[in-house]
Every structure is written in C-alpha cells, then in structure tokens.
Amino acid sequence: MSVDLTDIERAGDELEQWLVEQAEAGVPEVVLVGLLRDYADDIEHLGYVPRMWEHSDR
C-alpha cells in the first residue's frame, strides 16, 4: 500500500485542528498529551490502528 503525502498532511492538519478545538473548549493540554500517548502506546503494542476501539482493553 502506497502512502500519499497529501493524505498524511491532511490527517496532520485535521489532528491539529481537533487538538486546537479541544484546547479552546477547555480541555487541558496535559490531558490531550496523555490521550495521544495512550493511543500511540496502544497502536505501537498492537502494530496497527484498530478500526474499533474496545474500551475494556484500555
């Protein structure tokens, strides 16, 4: 599967926008960083991004 750099840039832009929206809504940055780290750890452990997240595994 080839990776389109435009898709990567778009995904990064969308993530940045979501983070800004959350911060503007009052979510503390430390909480956002913690969420990103937890998801990154899960993805690294699994080796892929699950198409559905099971909260019992978190």
N, C-alpha and C. Protein backbone atom coordinates (compact mmCIF):
# COMPACT_ATOMS: atom_id res chain seq x y z
N MET A 1 0.85 -1.19 0.00
CA MET A 1 0.00 0.00 0.00
C MET A 1 0.89 1.24 0.00
N SER A 2 0.70 2.09 -0.98
CA SER A 2 1.48 3.31 -1.04
C SER A 2 0.83 4.39 -0.17
N VAL A 3 1.66 5.27 0.33
CA VAL A 3 1.18 6.34 1.19
C VAL A 3 1.26 7.64 0.41
N ASP A 4 0.14 8.33 0.35
CA ASP A 4 0.07 9.62 -0.33
C ASP A 4 0.43 10.71 0.67
N LEU A 5 1.46 11.48 0.36
CA LEU A 5 1.89 12.54 1.27
C LEU A 5 0.79 13.56 1.51
N THR A 6 -0.06 13.78 0.53
CA THR A 6 -1.17 14.69 0.70
C THR A 6 -2.12 14.18 1.78
N ASP A 7 -2.36 12.87 1.81
CA ASP A 7 -3.21 12.28 2.84
C ASP A 7 -2.60 12.43 4.22
N ILE A 8 -1.28 12.26 4.30
CA ILE A 8 -0.59 12.40 5.59
C ILE A 8 -0.70 13.84 6.07
N GLU A 9 -0.46 14.78 5.17
CA GLU A 9 -0.56 16.20 5.54
C GLU A 9 -1.98 16.55 5.97
N ARG A 10 -2.96 16.04 5.25
CA ARG A 10 -4.36 16.31 5.59
C ARG A 10 -4.70 15.73 6.97
N ALA A 11 -4.26 14.52 7.22
CA ALA A 11 -4.51 13.90 8.52
C ALA A 11 -3.85 14.71 9.64
N GLY A 12 -2.64 15.17 9.40
CA GLY A 12 -1.95 16.00 10.39
C GLY A 12 -2.69 17.30 10.63
N ASP A 13 -3.15 17.92 9.56
CA ASP A 13 -3.91 19.17 9.69
C ASP A 13 -5.20 18.96 10.47
N GLU A 14 -5.88 17.85 10.18
CA GLU A 14 -7.14 17.55 10.88
C GLU A 14 -6.89 17.27 12.36
N LEU A 15 -5.81 16.56 12.66
CA LEU A 15 -5.48 16.30 14.06
C LEU A 15 -5.14 17.61 14.78
N GLU A 16 -4.36 18.45 14.13
CA GLU A 16 -4.03 19.75 14.73
C GLU A 16 -5.29 20.56 15.01
N GLN A 17 -6.21 20.59 14.05
CA GLN A 17 -7.45 21.34 14.23
C GLN A 17 -8.26 20.78 15.39
N TRP A 18 -8.35 19.45 15.49
CA TRP A 18 -9.08 18.82 16.59
C TRP A 18 -8.45 19.17 17.93
N LEU A 19 -7.12 19.14 17.99
CA LEU A 19 -6.44 19.49 19.24
C LEU A 19 -6.71 20.94 19.63
N VAL A 20 -6.67 21.85 18.65
CA VAL A 20 -6.96 23.26 18.93
C VAL A 20 -8.39 23.41 19.44
N GLU A 21 -9.34 22.73 18.78
CA GLU A 21 -10.74 22.81 19.20
C GLU A 21 -10.91 22.32 20.64
N GLN A 22 -10.23 21.23 20.98
CA GLN A 22 -10.34 20.69 22.33
C GLN A 22 -9.75 21.65 23.36
N ALA A 23 -8.58 22.21 23.02
CA ALA A 23 -7.94 23.16 23.93
C ALA A 23 -8.80 24.41 24.11
N GLU A 24 -9.38 24.90 23.02
CA GLU A 24 -10.24 26.07 23.10
C GLU A 24 -11.52 25.78 23.90
N ALA A 25 -11.93 24.52 23.91
CA ALA A 25 -13.12 24.13 24.67
C ALA A 25 -12.81 23.92 26.14
N GLY A 26 -11.53 24.06 26.49
CA GLY A 26 -11.17 23.98 27.90
C GLY A 26 -10.50 22.70 28.34
N VAL A 27 -10.25 21.78 27.42
CA VAL A 27 -9.55 20.55 27.79
C VAL A 27 -8.09 20.91 28.03
N PRO A 28 -7.56 20.59 29.21
CA PRO A 28 -6.16 20.93 29.49
C PRO A 28 -5.20 20.21 28.54
N GLU A 29 -4.14 20.91 28.14
CA GLU A 29 -3.16 20.34 27.23
C GLU A 29 -2.57 19.05 27.77
N VAL A 30 -2.35 18.99 29.09
CA VAL A 30 -1.77 17.78 29.68
C VAL A 30 -2.70 16.57 29.47
N VAL A 31 -4.00 16.80 29.46
CA VAL A 31 -4.95 15.72 29.20
C VAL A 31 -4.85 15.29 27.74
N LEU A 32 -4.76 16.24 26.83
CA LEU A 32 -4.64 15.91 25.41
C LEU A 32 -3.35 15.13 25.13
N VAL A 33 -2.26 15.56 25.74
CA VAL A 33 -0.99 14.85 25.57
C VAL A 33 -1.10 13.43 26.11
N GLY A 34 -1.75 13.27 27.26
CA GLY A 34 -1.93 11.94 27.83
C GLY A 34 -2.74 11.04 26.92
N LEU A 35 -3.80 11.58 26.34
CA LEU A 35 -4.62 10.80 25.41
C LEU A 35 -3.81 10.36 24.19
N LEU A 36 -3.06 11.29 23.62
CA LEU A 36 -2.24 10.96 22.46
C LEU A 36 -1.22 9.88 22.79
N ARG A 37 -0.60 9.99 23.97
CA ARG A 37 0.40 8.99 24.37
C ARG A 37 -0.24 7.62 24.56
N ASP A 38 -1.42 7.60 25.21
CA ASP A 38 -2.11 6.32 25.43
C ASP A 38 -2.47 5.65 24.11
N TYR A 39 -3.02 6.43 23.18
CA TYR A 39 -3.37 5.86 21.88
C TYR A 39 -2.12 5.42 21.12
N ALA A 40 -1.07 6.21 21.18
CA ALA A 40 0.17 5.83 20.50
C ALA A 40 0.73 4.54 21.08
N ASP A 41 0.68 4.40 22.40
CA ASP A 41 1.15 3.17 23.05
C ASP A 41 0.32 1.97 22.60
N ASP A 42 -1.00 2.15 22.54
CA ASP A 42 -1.87 1.06 22.09
C ASP A 42 -1.55 0.65 20.65
N ILE A 43 -1.38 1.64 19.79
CA ILE A 43 -1.09 1.36 18.38
C ILE A 43 0.27 0.68 18.24
N GLU A 44 1.24 1.15 19.00
CA GLU A 44 2.57 0.55 18.94
C GLU A 44 2.51 -0.90 19.43
N HIS A 45 1.78 -1.14 20.49
CA HIS A 45 1.65 -2.50 21.05
C HIS A 45 0.95 -3.44 20.06
N LEU A 46 -0.13 -2.96 19.45
CA LEU A 46 -0.90 -3.79 18.52
C LEU A 46 -0.22 -3.92 17.16
N GLY A 47 0.48 -2.88 16.75
CA GLY A 47 1.12 -2.88 15.44
C GLY A 47 0.22 -2.35 14.34
N TYR A 48 -0.96 -1.88 14.71
CA TYR A 48 -1.90 -1.31 13.73
C TYR A 48 -2.92 -0.45 14.46
N VAL A 49 -3.67 0.32 13.70
CA VAL A 49 -4.75 1.14 14.26
C VAL A 49 -6.04 0.32 14.19
N PRO A 50 -6.60 -0.01 15.35
CA PRO A 50 -7.85 -0.76 15.34
C PRO A 50 -8.96 0.04 14.66
N ARG A 51 -9.82 -0.63 13.94
CA ARG A 51 -10.93 0.06 13.30
C ARG A 51 -12.05 0.33 14.29
N MET A 52 -12.01 -0.36 15.42
CA MET A 52 -12.92 -0.10 16.54
C MET A 52 -12.10 -0.22 17.82
N TRP A 53 -12.25 0.75 18.70
CA TRP A 53 -11.52 0.72 19.97
C TRP A 53 -12.41 0.08 21.02
N GLU A 54 -11.90 -0.95 21.67
CA GLU A 54 -12.64 -1.58 22.76
C GLU A 54 -12.15 -0.98 24.06
N HIS A 55 -13.03 -0.32 24.77
CA HIS A 55 -12.64 0.38 25.98
C HIS A 55 -12.24 -0.55 27.09
N SER A 56 -12.64 -1.81 27.03
CA SER A 56 -12.24 -2.76 28.06
C SER A 56 -10.75 -3.07 28.00
N ASP A 57 -10.12 -2.87 26.82
CA ASP A 57 -8.69 -3.14 26.65
C ASP A 57 -7.84 -1.96 27.08
N ARG A 58 -8.43 -0.84 27.34
CA ARG A 58 -7.68 0.38 27.65
C ARG A 58 -7.43 0.50 29.11
